[in-house]
Each structure stands twice: as C-alpha cells, then as structure tokens.
Protein backbone atom coordinates (compact mmCIF):
# COMPACT_ATOMS: atom_id res chain seq x y z
CA MET A 1 -5.25 27.89 -1.57
CA ALA A 2 -1.59 26.88 -1.89
CA GLY A 3 -0.79 23.28 -1.14
CA LEU A 4 -0.63 19.96 -2.93
CA ARG A 5 -0.79 20.22 -6.72
CA GLY A 6 -1.66 16.61 -7.46
CA GLU A 7 1.94 15.83 -8.45
CA ALA A 8 2.07 12.66 -6.31
CA ALA A 9 -0.04 9.54 -6.68
CA ILE A 10 -0.75 6.19 -5.08
CA VAL A 11 0.22 3.48 -7.56
CA GLY A 12 0.27 0.28 -5.52
CA VAL A 13 -1.06 -1.25 -2.30
CA ALA A 14 -0.72 -4.45 -0.31
CA GLU A 15 -2.60 -5.74 2.70
CA PHE A 16 -2.51 -8.75 4.98
CA ALA A 17 -6.09 -9.78 5.67
CA PRO A 18 -6.94 -9.08 9.33
CA VAL A 19 -6.96 -12.19 11.51
CA ARG A 20 -7.97 -12.71 15.11
CA LYS A 21 -5.66 -15.67 15.68
CA PRO A 22 -2.57 -15.56 13.45
CA ASP A 23 -0.94 -18.82 12.43
CA ARG A 24 2.61 -17.44 12.60
CA THR A 25 4.80 -14.78 14.15
CA TRP A 26 6.81 -12.06 12.41
CA MET A 27 9.88 -10.11 13.24
CA GLY A 28 8.88 -6.47 12.75
CA MET A 29 11.34 -5.70 9.95
CA GLU A 30 10.49 -8.98 8.22
CA ALA A 31 6.86 -7.86 8.01
CA TYR A 32 7.89 -4.45 6.66
CA ALA A 33 9.95 -6.17 3.96
CA GLU A 34 7.15 -8.50 2.84
CA LEU A 35 4.49 -5.78 2.78
CA GLY A 36 6.83 -3.50 0.84
CA ARG A 37 7.60 -6.25 -1.67
CA LEU A 38 3.91 -6.93 -2.29
CA ALA A 39 3.03 -3.25 -2.69
CA LEU A 40 5.87 -2.66 -5.14
CA GLU A 41 4.80 -5.73 -7.08
CA ASP A 42 1.27 -4.32 -7.26
CA ALA A 43 2.67 -1.05 -8.60
CA GLY A 44 4.93 -2.75 -11.14
CA MET A 45 7.96 -1.15 -9.49
CA HIS A 46 11.17 -2.39 -7.89
CA LEU A 47 12.92 -1.83 -4.59
CA SER A 48 15.59 0.14 -6.47
CA ASP A 49 12.90 2.71 -7.34
CA VAL A 50 12.27 3.50 -3.66
CA ASP A 51 14.10 6.48 -2.18
CA ALA A 52 11.92 7.27 0.85
CA PHE A 53 9.78 5.56 3.42
CA MET A 54 7.24 6.40 6.08
CA THR A 55 7.00 4.05 9.01
CA GLY A 56 5.36 3.60 12.34
CA TYR A 57 6.86 1.91 15.36
CA VAL A 58 9.56 -0.69 14.56
CA ALA A 59 9.81 -3.25 17.35
CA GLU A 60 13.46 -4.09 16.76
CA ALA A 61 14.42 -0.41 16.84
CA SER A 62 13.39 0.14 20.46
CA PRO A 63 12.03 3.72 20.51
CA LEU A 64 14.95 5.07 18.45
CA PHE A 65 16.50 4.87 14.98
CA ALA A 66 13.60 3.20 13.16
CA PRO A 67 14.61 4.76 9.79
CA GLY A 68 18.18 3.50 10.09
CA HIS A 69 17.05 0.00 11.00
CA LEU A 70 14.69 -0.19 8.03
CA ALA A 71 17.04 1.39 5.48
CA GLU A 72 19.71 -1.12 6.47
CA TYR A 73 17.35 -4.11 6.48
CA LEU A 74 15.55 -3.26 3.23
CA GLY A 75 18.63 -2.06 1.39
CA ILE A 76 17.20 1.39 0.66
CA GLU A 77 19.06 4.67 0.36
CA SER A 78 16.34 6.90 1.73
CA HIS A 79 16.36 10.62 0.96
CA PHE A 80 13.34 11.21 3.19
CA SER A 81 12.46 9.05 6.21
CA GLU A 82 9.81 9.71 8.79
CA VAL A 83 8.32 7.91 11.75
CA VAL A 84 4.64 8.85 11.82
CA ASP A 85 2.85 8.52 15.16
CA LEU A 86 -0.77 9.56 14.79
CA GLY A 87 -2.54 6.47 16.07
CA GLY A 88 -5.34 5.50 13.71
CA ALA A 89 -4.51 8.47 11.49
CA THR A 90 -0.98 7.16 10.89
CA GLY A 91 -1.78 5.56 7.54
CA ALA A 92 -3.39 8.67 6.07
CA GLY A 93 -0.67 10.77 7.70
CA GLN A 94 2.04 8.71 6.02
CA VAL A 95 0.45 9.14 2.59
CA LEU A 96 0.06 12.89 3.14
CA ARG A 97 3.72 13.24 4.16
CA ALA A 98 4.86 11.15 1.21
CA ALA A 99 2.95 13.44 -1.16
CA MET A 100 4.45 16.54 0.46
CA ALA A 101 7.99 15.11 0.27
CA ILE A 102 7.55 14.21 -3.41
CA GLU A 103 6.08 17.58 -4.36
CA THR A 104 8.94 19.43 -2.66
CA GLY A 105 11.53 17.37 -4.52
CA MET A 106 12.83 15.47 -1.50
CA CYS A 107 12.19 12.08 -3.09
CA GLU A 108 10.47 10.34 -6.00
CA THR A 109 8.97 7.13 -4.63
CA ALA A 110 7.96 6.45 -1.03
CA LEU A 111 6.91 3.27 0.75
CA CYS A 112 4.29 3.82 3.47
CA ILE A 113 3.99 0.78 5.75
CA VAL A 114 2.18 -0.04 8.99
CA HIS A 115 1.52 -3.36 10.66
CA THR A 116 0.43 -4.97 13.89
CA LEU A 117 1.69 -8.54 13.86
CA PRO A 118 2.73 -10.86 16.69
CA ARG A 119 6.47 -11.23 17.29
CA PRO A 120 8.31 -14.29 18.54
CA GLN A 121 8.96 -14.23 22.28
CA ASN A 122 12.38 -12.99 23.30
CA PRO A 123 13.88 -15.84 25.37
CA LYS A 124 16.16 -13.35 27.15
CA ALA A 125 13.38 -10.92 28.09
CA VAL A 126 13.07 -10.01 31.74
CA LYS A 127 9.46 -9.50 32.81
CA GLY A 128 8.76 -6.58 35.09
CA PRO A 129 5.60 -5.18 36.69
CA PHE A 130 2.83 -4.05 34.35
CA VAL A 131 2.79 -0.28 34.08
CA ARG A 132 0.22 1.64 32.04
CA GLY A 133 1.19 5.07 30.78
CA ASN A 134 4.31 7.14 31.29
CA TRP A 135 5.22 8.89 34.50
CA GLY A 136 4.43 12.59 34.25
CA SER A 137 1.84 12.23 31.47
CA PRO A 138 -1.34 14.18 32.36
CA MET A 139 -3.40 11.17 31.28
CA THR A 140 -1.39 8.83 33.52
CA GLU A 141 -1.49 11.20 36.47
CA PHE A 142 -5.05 12.49 36.32
CA ASP A 143 -7.16 10.08 34.20
CA TYR A 144 -5.94 6.55 34.91
CA PRO A 145 -6.21 6.71 38.73
CA PHE A 146 -9.94 7.36 38.37
CA GLY A 147 -10.57 4.45 35.98
CA ALA A 148 -10.48 6.48 32.75
CA VAL A 149 -8.34 3.91 30.95
CA GLY A 150 -8.36 2.89 27.28
CA GLN A 151 -10.56 3.98 24.41
CA ASN A 152 -13.97 2.54 25.30
CA TYR A 153 -14.69 4.93 28.15
CA ALA A 154 -13.68 7.95 26.04
CA TYR A 155 -15.84 7.19 23.04
CA ALA A 156 -18.75 6.23 25.29
CA THR A 157 -18.40 9.61 27.02
CA ILE A 158 -18.43 11.34 23.64
CA ALA A 159 -21.46 9.31 22.54
CA ASN A 160 -23.38 10.20 25.69
CA ARG A 161 -22.54 13.88 25.36
CA TYR A 162 -23.56 13.91 21.69
CA ALA A 163 -26.86 12.13 22.45
CA TYR A 164 -27.59 14.66 25.21
CA GLU A 165 -26.96 17.64 22.95
CA TYR A 166 -28.54 16.34 19.72
CA ASN A 167 -31.01 13.64 20.77
CA LEU A 168 -29.21 10.83 18.92
CA SER A 169 -30.92 7.45 19.22
CA ASP A 170 -29.31 4.04 19.71
CA ARG A 171 -30.95 2.85 16.49
CA GLN A 172 -29.32 5.63 14.49
CA ARG A 173 -25.88 4.67 15.79
CA ALA A 174 -26.58 1.00 15.10
CA LYS A 175 -27.42 1.71 11.45
CA VAL A 176 -23.74 2.55 10.88
CA ALA A 177 -22.67 -0.93 11.98
CA VAL A 178 -25.39 -2.62 9.93
CA ASP A 179 -24.50 -0.91 6.65
CA GLN A 180 -20.81 -1.62 7.11
CA ARG A 181 -21.52 -5.29 7.82
CA THR A 182 -23.42 -5.43 4.51
CA ASN A 183 -20.24 -4.22 2.82
CA ALA A 184 -18.12 -6.77 4.68
CA VAL A 185 -20.32 -9.64 3.51
CA ALA A 186 -19.07 -8.81 -0.01
CA ASN A 187 -15.42 -8.71 1.09
CA PRO A 188 -13.71 -12.11 1.40
CA LYS A 189 -10.92 -10.57 3.54
CA ALA A 190 -13.29 -9.25 6.21
CA VAL A 191 -13.24 -10.80 9.68
CA PHE A 192 -17.02 -10.58 10.15
CA ARG A 193 -19.18 -11.65 7.18
CA THR A 194 -22.48 -12.66 8.76
CA PRO A 195 -25.30 -10.17 8.00
CA ILE A 196 -26.74 -8.27 10.96
CA ASP A 197 -29.66 -5.93 11.54
CA ILE A 198 -30.26 -3.08 13.96
CA ASP A 199 -31.80 -5.39 16.56
CA ASP A 200 -28.69 -7.60 16.46
CA VAL A 201 -26.56 -4.58 17.28
CA LEU A 202 -28.81 -3.39 20.09
CA ASN A 203 -29.13 -6.90 21.55
CA SER A 204 -25.37 -7.37 21.69
CA PRO A 205 -23.85 -6.75 25.14
CA VAL A 206 -23.38 -3.19 26.32
CA ILE A 207 -19.63 -2.79 26.81
CA VAL A 208 -19.59 0.80 28.06
CA ASP A 209 -22.92 2.63 28.15
CA PRO A 210 -24.25 3.42 25.56
CA LEU A 211 -21.96 1.45 23.22
CA HIS A 212 -22.78 -2.16 22.37
CA MET A 213 -20.28 -4.82 21.38
CA LEU A 214 -21.16 -4.59 17.67
CA GLU A 215 -20.46 -0.84 17.75
CA ILE A 216 -16.83 -1.38 18.77
CA VAL A 217 -13.93 -2.64 16.67
CA MET A 218 -12.40 -6.06 17.11
CA PRO A 219 -8.60 -5.78 17.55
CA CYS A 220 -6.85 -8.02 15.02
CA PHE A 221 -3.45 -8.70 13.52
CA GLY A 222 -2.49 -7.53 10.04
CA GLY A 223 -0.62 -4.95 8.00
CA ALA A 224 -0.74 -2.73 4.94
CA ALA A 225 1.57 -0.86 2.58
CA VAL A 226 1.09 1.89 0.00
CA VAL A 227 3.43 3.10 -2.76
CA VAL A 228 3.37 6.84 -3.53
CA THR A 229 5.34 8.22 -6.47
CA THR A 230 5.71 11.18 -8.83
CA LYS A 231 3.20 12.02 -11.52
CA GLU A 232 5.77 11.12 -14.17
CA ASN A 233 6.32 7.68 -12.67
CA ALA A 234 2.61 7.21 -12.06
CA LYS A 235 1.89 7.45 -15.78
CA LYS A 236 4.00 4.32 -16.26
CA ALA A 237 2.53 2.37 -13.35
CA LYS A 238 0.68 -0.90 -13.76
CA ASN A 239 -2.58 0.41 -12.29
CA ARG A 240 -4.60 3.60 -12.51
CA PRO A 241 -2.95 6.29 -10.37
CA ALA A 242 -4.83 7.89 -7.47
CA TYR A 243 -3.53 11.44 -7.32
CA ILE A 244 -3.39 13.06 -3.89
CA ILE A 245 -4.98 16.42 -4.64
CA GLY A 246 -5.85 17.60 -1.15
CA GLY A 247 -4.80 17.03 2.43
CA GLY A 248 -5.34 18.43 5.89
CA GLU A 249 -4.30 17.65 9.44
CA ASN A 250 -5.33 18.87 12.88
CA THR A 251 -4.53 17.82 16.45
CA THR A 252 -5.89 19.59 19.53
CA HIS A 253 -5.70 17.21 22.49
CA LEU A 254 -5.30 13.60 23.60
CA SER A 255 -7.53 12.91 26.58
CA VAL A 256 -11.24 13.71 26.49
CA THR A 257 -10.60 15.41 29.84
CA TYR A 258 -8.90 18.21 27.90
CA ASP A 259 -11.04 18.02 24.76
CA PRO A 260 -12.11 21.60 23.96
CA ASP A 261 -15.53 20.40 22.78
CA MET A 262 -16.50 16.72 22.54
CA THR A 263 -19.12 17.26 19.84
CA HIS A 264 -17.08 19.64 17.66
CA THR A 265 -13.95 17.76 16.67
CA PRO A 266 -10.56 18.65 15.10
CA ILE A 267 -11.85 16.90 11.98
CA ARG A 268 -13.45 20.13 10.76
CA ALA A 269 -10.20 22.01 10.18
CA ALA A 270 -8.47 19.01 8.57
CA ALA A 271 -11.34 18.27 6.19
CA ASP A 272 -11.97 21.91 5.29
CA ARG A 273 -8.30 22.34 4.38
CA ALA A 274 -8.30 19.18 2.25
CA PHE A 275 -11.43 20.19 0.31
CA ALA A 276 -10.23 23.76 -0.18
CA MET A 277 -6.81 22.59 -1.36
CA ALA A 278 -8.36 20.13 -3.82
CA GLY A 279 -10.98 22.57 -5.06
CA VAL A 280 -13.57 19.83 -4.64
CA LYS A 281 -17.14 20.07 -3.34
CA ARG A 282 -18.61 17.51 -0.97
CA SER A 283 -21.19 16.67 -3.62
CA GLU A 284 -18.40 15.54 -5.96
CA ILE A 285 -17.23 12.75 -3.65
CA ASP A 286 -18.00 9.28 -5.03
CA MET A 287 -17.09 7.43 -1.86
CA ALA A 288 -16.23 8.25 1.74
CA SER A 289 -13.63 6.12 3.52
CA LEU A 290 -13.95 7.15 7.17
CA TYR A 291 -12.15 5.87 10.24
CA ASP A 292 -14.64 3.91 12.32
CA CYS A 293 -13.29 2.59 15.60
CA TYR A 294 -16.79 3.15 17.03
CA THR A 295 -20.14 4.02 15.48
CA ILE A 296 -20.10 7.45 17.12
CA THR A 297 -16.79 8.18 15.36
CA VAL A 298 -18.47 7.86 11.98
CA LEU A 299 -21.35 10.15 12.94
CA LEU A 300 -19.02 12.91 14.12
CA THR A 301 -16.83 12.49 11.04
CA LEU A 302 -19.79 12.81 8.69
CA GLU A 303 -20.74 16.09 10.36
CA ASP A 304 -17.35 17.66 10.80
CA SER A 305 -16.20 16.62 7.31
CA GLY A 306 -19.12 18.66 6.01
CA PHE A 307 -21.40 15.96 4.60
CA CYS A 308 -24.21 17.08 6.90
CA GLY A 309 -24.81 19.79 9.47
CA LYS A 310 -24.02 19.64 13.18
CA GLY A 311 -26.54 17.46 14.98
CA GLU A 312 -27.85 16.00 11.69
CA ALA A 313 -25.75 12.82 11.41
CA GLY A 314 -28.40 10.59 12.99
CA ARG A 315 -30.97 11.60 10.43
CA PHE A 316 -28.33 11.44 7.66
CA VAL A 317 -27.55 7.77 8.28
CA GLU A 318 -31.25 6.94 8.48
CA GLU A 319 -31.97 8.62 5.16
CA HIS A 320 -29.00 7.27 3.20
CA ASP A 321 -27.90 3.81 2.13
CA MET A 322 -24.21 3.73 3.01
CA THR A 323 -23.48 0.34 1.46
CA TYR A 324 -21.64 -0.22 -1.81
CA LYS A 325 -25.10 -0.51 -3.42
CA GLY A 326 -26.37 2.77 -1.96
CA ASP A 327 -26.52 6.49 -2.65
CA PHE A 328 -23.70 7.34 -0.20
CA PRO A 329 -21.09 4.55 -0.38
CA MET A 330 -18.94 4.54 2.74
CA ASN A 331 -16.30 2.12 4.00
CA THR A 332 -17.04 -0.35 1.25
CA HIS A 333 -14.56 -2.90 2.66
CA GLY A 334 -16.75 -3.19 5.75
CA GLY A 335 -14.99 -0.54 7.78
CA GLN A 336 -12.90 -1.57 10.72
CA LEU A 337 -16.07 -2.50 12.59
CA SER A 338 -16.50 -5.52 10.29
CA PHE A 339 -13.27 -5.73 8.27
CA GLY A 340 -11.23 -5.78 11.49
CA GLN A 341 -8.84 -3.33 13.13
CA SER A 342 -5.20 -4.36 12.77
CA GLY A 343 -3.81 -1.66 15.02
CA MET A 344 -2.56 1.30 13.00
CA ALA A 345 -2.95 -0.78 9.83
CA GLY A 346 -6.69 -0.54 10.42
CA GLY A 347 -6.52 3.13 9.53
CA MET A 348 -4.48 2.33 6.41
CA SER A 349 -7.27 -0.03 5.28
CA HIS A 350 -9.32 3.06 4.42
CA VAL A 351 -6.55 4.12 2.02
CA THR A 352 -6.09 0.68 0.47
CA GLU A 353 -9.85 0.26 -0.05
CA ALA A 354 -10.06 3.66 -1.72
CA TYR A 355 -7.31 2.62 -4.12
CA LEU A 356 -8.88 -0.77 -4.87
CA GLN A 357 -12.16 0.98 -5.70
CA MET A 358 -10.42 3.56 -7.86
CA THR A 359 -8.61 0.85 -9.83
CA GLY A 360 -11.73 -1.31 -10.29
CA ARG A 361 -10.42 -4.18 -8.16
CA ALA A 362 -12.92 -4.28 -5.31
CA GLY A 363 -14.68 -7.43 -6.50
CA ASP A 364 -18.37 -7.85 -5.69
CA ARG A 365 -18.44 -4.53 -3.82
CA GLN A 366 -17.04 -2.53 -6.73
CA LEU A 367 -18.68 0.86 -7.25
CA LYS A 368 -19.81 1.99 -10.69
CA ARG A 369 -18.02 5.29 -10.17
CA ALA A 370 -14.97 5.81 -7.95
CA ASP A 371 -13.11 8.79 -9.37
CA THR A 372 -12.99 11.15 -6.39
CA ILE A 373 -12.68 9.71 -2.87
CA PHE A 374 -12.49 11.27 0.57
CA VAL A 375 -10.34 9.40 3.11
CA HIS A 376 -10.17 10.31 6.77
CA GLY A 377 -8.02 8.98 9.61
CA ASN A 378 -8.66 9.49 13.32
CA GLY A 379 -6.08 8.93 16.05
CA GLY A 380 -6.21 8.97 19.81
CA LEU A 381 -9.50 9.95 21.42
CA MET A 382 -11.00 11.96 18.54
CA SER A 383 -7.80 13.97 18.73
CA GLU A 384 -5.36 13.44 15.82
CA GLN A 385 -7.05 13.94 12.44
CA VAL A 386 -5.88 13.58 8.82
CA SER A 387 -7.97 14.07 5.67
CA LEU A 388 -7.07 13.14 2.09
CA ILE A 389 -8.78 13.67 -1.23
CA LEU A 390 -7.83 11.26 -4.00
CA ARG A 391 -8.67 11.60 -7.69
CA GLY A 392 -8.18 9.08 -10.45
CA GLU A 393 -7.19 9.98 -13.98
C-alpha cells in the first residue's frame, strides 16, 4: 500500500500534568509558546528549526486566523499550518498531518500543540444567554430538545446496545478501569493514584445507566506538545526517534442518532489502513495506547483495531493483564480515566506516553520492550478516528 514511508519521526514531547484545580491562568498563545519551548528543549532543537505547526482552537484568534496569530506570536515562518479539529483525535490527527507534510516536502520540522487551560477573565466581556449548539445543526435541532446532550448519554447508549448484542457484563467493563488505575499508581503525573478493584468501580455512582463514575473521565486542565521532524534531522536528535510508519483516519458521523452501526465503529477502516501501510501485524505491537473517555470506548477500540474479534472484547480484557506489568500493556500512563482528560490534550497524552515508553523514560511503569506502538485517537461520539503506528530505531 502506498502511504507513509517512515520518513518523519517524533523527536520530542512536553506535557503539563493534568490538574483539576489549576493554580494560575494562561493566555492561549502563552500556553502554546511554553509547551512548544519545552518540547523543542526535549528534542534538542530550537525555535529556528520549526517551519510548520499544527494547532487546535486558539482562544485569542476567535474562530479565524489561528495560524497567523501563532506564527506572529511565536516568531515562526510556517510553510505548512493547519488547524486540526477532530475532538479527542486531534492530537493523533496533528501528528499524522505533520508526517504527511514532511514526507511531501512541505516542511521539515512541525510543532503539534494542544491545550485546555483556564484563561483570565475578559473585563470587557458582555455576558449573554447560555446557548448550546449552533442553529441549524442537526444535533442542536433534533437531539438536544429531547435531552440528548453531551457525551455521557451517547456512550451509555452505545454501551447498552453493545451489551444487548454481545452479552457484555458490568464486571468486564470495570476491568478496563482497574487495570488503567494500576498503571496510574506508577505515574506521578496522574490525577488518580489510589488503587481500585472491580467492586470499587461497580459501587461508584451510576452516572448514566450502565456507566459508573469510575468508568468516565474526569475533565481536567493541561496541555501537550510533540515535535515531528525529518528522518535526517531525527538521526541528530537528543532522544530515540519514533518513526511514524503507518496512519489512518475515518469519520462517518457525529451524533449517535445518525451512527450507521453503534457496535461497528469507524475505527476499523482507520486501523486497517494504518496496519496495512506500516506492514505490521497486530501480534508485533508492544503496547497499545488507546483513547479511553469511557470504558466502553476501549472495548470497541480493541475489537475494531483488530486485537480481538467482534463481541470478544469482554473476554479479552478478562483474559489479559493490560497493566505495564502484563501481557498486553495498554495506556501505561493510566489512560485518561486515571491520568486525567485535559480536553483535546487528553488525546495527545496517548502520543506522549508512547514516546516516553519508546525512549525509555516512563519511570516505574517502563516496559521492557517498546519498539512498535499502536496509538489511537477517538473524537466526537465514536465518530472521528485516527490511528498511528510508531516504530523506534
């Protein structure tokens, strides 16, 4: 299959530890600058090396001209600039686009940055009525009036449908949260570090049937940045390069109301393309770094990424140890369920953790082998999907 040739690599990362109650505020571009500085420092590179950037929403830019605002503020002459809006898949989507831009000769070194940090209050702001959604949006017009608002209801609907079709038990879902908490205990940056067991998960309050509180991410504040550069530059980098050898993307819907099939997700096409492009088998993956806004998300991702068959994820998580000590290491930083979800930066945490593992810098949770890693990002309501395969050399 034509596609990425492994000519682009991750060479540096930076991350603000997720926090529930931040001790300061940030102007949006100020946060981009600090995250970029730290990531470049990690890579052993300089701002003058950067000739491209991938960004998410920039508060000071209103909805327009984010690239111009950032190029001006950071002092970058950017040959390739892109605003990536894929929800939780934004981080992986940024890295994939950076690799594509580098391999096509559009640029040599790209900064990929996302953050969710509190801003100072605008003293001149005029407060208006609270409005959810945009006029004319199918979700606003046909979902919200009937109470179908936010993410919890959607993932609970998916979980109920999956349980009906495949007889998934609550205990099987809970095992996902337990294993990821074990990983978080070994991560000093994680928000939740107290060990839990399956009964703890099932005894936590039901938020939306059948999902319990410990099966749902805790929104936090934080940010992350990744440096992607050419193979030639990567050979001179301070850390081991993580070459991006495969990628895939697929989006089919937004609202579960229009989801073609709740239990067969767009993940399948994205993951299949990434594995085919990389020429890698599922059995060759040393670690899976999977987006985990809810426990059910992980189960569907395991299936549709090809690590087990359809309807087999419940048994798969029962039979495998998914901690950093186990036979199927997954989300070794604790996943967003225990590490914390800093908005779109939560999705980027799966990329940064993969790189820390690949460079031997994961501390007490370090794997013995982390040469080939599968990263997956999920945005929206199981709708926007991005897969990456990274390989260290």
